[in-house]
Amino acid sequence: PDPDDVLDEGYTDANGEFHLQGSERELTNIDPVFKVYHDCDDGIKPGQRKVKFRIPDSYISPGGVARRVFNIGVLNLETIFPKEERDLL
């Protein structure tokens, strides 16, 4: 599988909420990663802060429709996460 396949992308709404969904046709298992790009608590530094969360295997199902919904919950993006990166898109 191509580790850079984008399954979906979007932005938060006025309430800070979002919904993403995606599917992929692969002969082997996929390892989806949820990436958040943001400028929260960042001042005027170049680029954006990037945080990655691996989606657990229990949320991956065969076919084009998910059997379970992964709820990332509420994230305080002022937090500096372990292995956080900076992306200079």
C-alpha atoms as a PDB file:
ATOM      1  CA  PRO A   1       0.000   0.000   0.000  1.00  0.00           C
ATOM      2  CA  ASP A   2       1.031   3.571  -0.661  1.00  0.00           C
ATOM      3  CA  PRO A   3       1.573   5.269   2.724  1.00  0.00           C
ATOM      4  CA  ASP A   4       0.714   8.677   1.247  1.00  0.00           C
ATOM      5  CA  ASP A   5      -2.761   7.864  -0.112  1.00  0.00           C
ATOM      6  CA  VAL A   6      -5.193  10.583   0.981  1.00  0.00           C
ATOM      7  CA  LEU A   7      -8.518   8.965   1.896  1.00  0.00           C
ATOM      8  CA  ASP A   8     -10.289  12.258   2.736  1.00  0.00           C
ATOM      9  CA  GLU A   9      -9.566  15.796   3.853  1.00  0.00           C
ATOM     10  CA  GLY A  10     -11.607  18.632   5.265  1.00  0.00           C
ATOM     11  CA  TYR A  11     -11.913  21.527   7.677  1.00  0.00           C
ATOM     12  CA  THR A  12     -13.664  22.050  10.983  1.00  0.00           C
ATOM     13  CA  ASP A  13     -17.010  23.842  10.996  1.00  0.00           C
ATOM     14  CA  ALA A  14     -17.949  26.869  13.143  1.00  0.00           C
ATOM     15  CA  ASN A  15     -18.227  24.538  16.169  1.00  0.00           C
ATOM     16  CA  GLY A  16     -14.802  22.979  15.572  1.00  0.00           C
ATOM     17  CA  GLU A  17     -16.383  19.697  14.433  1.00  0.00           C
ATOM     18  CA  PHE A  18     -15.649  17.648  11.323  1.00  0.00           C
ATOM     19  CA  HIS A  19     -16.528  14.357   9.651  1.00  0.00           C
ATOM     20  CA  LEU A  20     -14.169  12.462   7.364  1.00  0.00           C
ATOM     21  CA  GLN A  21     -14.587   9.161   5.581  1.00  0.00           C
ATOM     22  CA  GLY A  22     -12.572   7.244   3.068  1.00  0.00           C
ATOM     23  CA  SER A  23     -11.919   3.934   1.443  1.00  0.00           C
ATOM     24  CA  GLU A  24      -9.070   2.350  -0.439  1.00  0.00           C
ATOM     25  CA  ARG A  25      -8.677  -0.665  -2.687  1.00  0.00           C
ATOM     26  CA  GLU A  26      -5.538  -2.510  -1.649  1.00  0.00           C
ATOM     27  CA  LEU A  27      -4.413  -6.116  -1.794  1.00  0.00           C
ATOM     28  CA  THR A  28      -2.877  -5.815   1.667  1.00  0.00           C
ATOM     29  CA  ASN A  29      -4.016  -4.179   4.912  1.00  0.00           C
ATOM     30  CA  ILE A  30      -4.040  -0.397   5.152  1.00  0.00           C
ATOM     31  CA  ASP A  31      -2.614   1.628   8.044  1.00  0.00           C
ATOM     32  CA  PRO A  32      -4.681   4.836   8.076  1.00  0.00           C
ATOM     33  CA  VAL A  33      -3.311   7.882   9.850  1.00  0.00           C
ATOM     34  CA  PHE A  34      -5.349  10.936  10.862  1.00  0.00           C
ATOM     35  CA  LYS A  35      -3.253  14.090  10.385  1.00  0.00           C
ATOM     36  CA  VAL A  36      -4.105  17.483  11.871  1.00  0.00           C
ATOM     37  CA  TYR A  37      -2.476  20.614  10.437  1.00  0.00           C
ATOM     38  CA  HIS A  38      -3.013  23.762  12.507  1.00  0.00           C
ATOM     39  CA  ASP A  39      -1.641  27.091  13.725  1.00  0.00           C
ATOM     40  CA  CYS A  40      -3.057  27.010  17.264  1.00  0.00           C
ATOM     41  CA  ASP A  41      -0.872  28.707  19.901  1.00  0.00           C
ATOM     42  CA  ASP A  42       1.798  29.115  17.220  1.00  0.00           C
ATOM     43  CA  GLY A  43       2.495  32.837  16.900  1.00  0.00           C
ATOM     44  CA  ILE A  44       3.870  33.837  13.500  1.00  0.00           C
ATOM     45  CA  LYS A  45       6.116  30.837  12.862  1.00  0.00           C
ATOM     46  CA  PRO A  46       6.305  29.627   9.242  1.00  0.00           C
ATOM     47  CA  GLY A  47       4.318  26.562   8.229  1.00  0.00           C
ATOM     48  CA  GLN A  48       1.818  24.648  10.305  1.00  0.00           C
ATOM     49  CA  ARG A  49       2.027  22.330  13.266  1.00  0.00           C
ATOM     50  CA  LYS A  50       1.291  18.710  12.281  1.00  0.00           C
ATOM     51  CA  VAL A  51       0.036  15.993  14.611  1.00  0.00           C
ATOM     52  CA  LYS A  52      -0.537  12.381  13.494  1.00  0.00           C
ATOM     53  CA  PHE A  53      -2.837   9.789  15.051  1.00  0.00           C
ATOM     54  CA  ARG A  54      -2.905   6.173  13.869  1.00  0.00           C
ATOM     55  CA  ILE A  55      -6.421   4.773  13.436  1.00  0.00           C
ATOM     56  CA  PRO A  56      -6.715   1.430  15.313  1.00  0.00           C
ATOM     57  CA  ASP A  57      -7.158  -1.714  13.208  1.00  0.00           C
ATOM     58  CA  SER A  58     -10.518  -2.394  14.883  1.00  0.00           C
ATOM     59  CA  TYR A  59     -11.967   0.542  12.876  1.00  0.00           C
ATOM     60  CA  ILE A  60     -10.857  -0.853   9.513  1.00  0.00           C
ATOM     61  CA  SER A  61     -13.396  -3.011   7.715  1.00  0.00           C
ATOM     62  CA  PRO A  62     -13.580  -4.658   4.297  1.00  0.00           C
ATOM     63  CA  GLY A  63     -15.736  -3.022   1.660  1.00  0.00           C
ATOM     64  CA  GLY A  64     -16.533   0.614   1.006  1.00  0.00           C
ATOM     65  CA  VAL A  65     -18.608   1.320   4.130  1.00  0.00           C
ATOM     66  CA  ALA A  66     -17.171   1.534   7.646  1.00  0.00           C
ATOM     67  CA  ARG A  67     -18.735  -0.733  10.257  1.00  0.00           C
ATOM     68  CA  ARG A  68     -17.487   1.426  13.152  1.00  0.00           C
ATOM     69  CA  VAL A  69     -16.959   5.169  13.492  1.00  0.00           C
ATOM     70  CA  PHE A  70     -13.727   6.368  15.090  1.00  0.00           C
ATOM     71  CA  ASN A  71     -14.385   9.345  17.377  1.00  0.00           C
ATOM     72  CA  ILE A  72     -11.161  11.284  17.977  1.00  0.00           C
ATOM     73  CA  GLY A  73     -12.913  13.210  20.759  1.00  0.00           C
ATOM     74  CA  VAL A  74     -11.973  16.729  21.806  1.00  0.00           C
ATOM     75  CA  LEU A  75      -8.388  17.823  21.206  1.00  0.00           C
ATOM     76  CA  ASN A  76      -6.781  20.859  22.799  1.00  0.00           C
ATOM     77  CA  LEU A  77      -4.422  21.897  20.017  1.00  0.00           C
ATOM     78  CA  GLU A  78      -2.469  24.187  22.338  1.00  0.00           C
ATOM     79  CA  THR A  79      -0.944  20.935  23.616  1.00  0.00           C
ATOM     80  CA  ILE A  80       2.475  20.011  22.253  1.00  0.00           C
ATOM     81  CA  PHE A  81       2.028  16.375  21.247  1.00  0.00           C
ATOM     82  CA  PRO A  82       4.801  13.749  21.271  1.00  0.00           C
ATOM     83  CA  LYS A  83       6.469  13.523  17.846  1.00  0.00           C
ATOM     84  CA  GLU A  84       4.694  16.688  16.683  1.00  0.00           C
ATOM     85  CA  GLU A  85       6.169  18.074  13.458  1.00  0.00           C
ATOM     86  CA  ARG A  86       6.139  21.321  11.499  1.00  0.00           C
ATOM     87  CA  ASP A  87       5.023  21.206   7.861  1.00  0.00           C
ATOM     88  CA  LEU A  88       6.185  23.997   5.567  1.00  0.00           C
ATOM     89  CA  LEU A  89       3.585  23.330   2.841  1.00  0.00           C
END
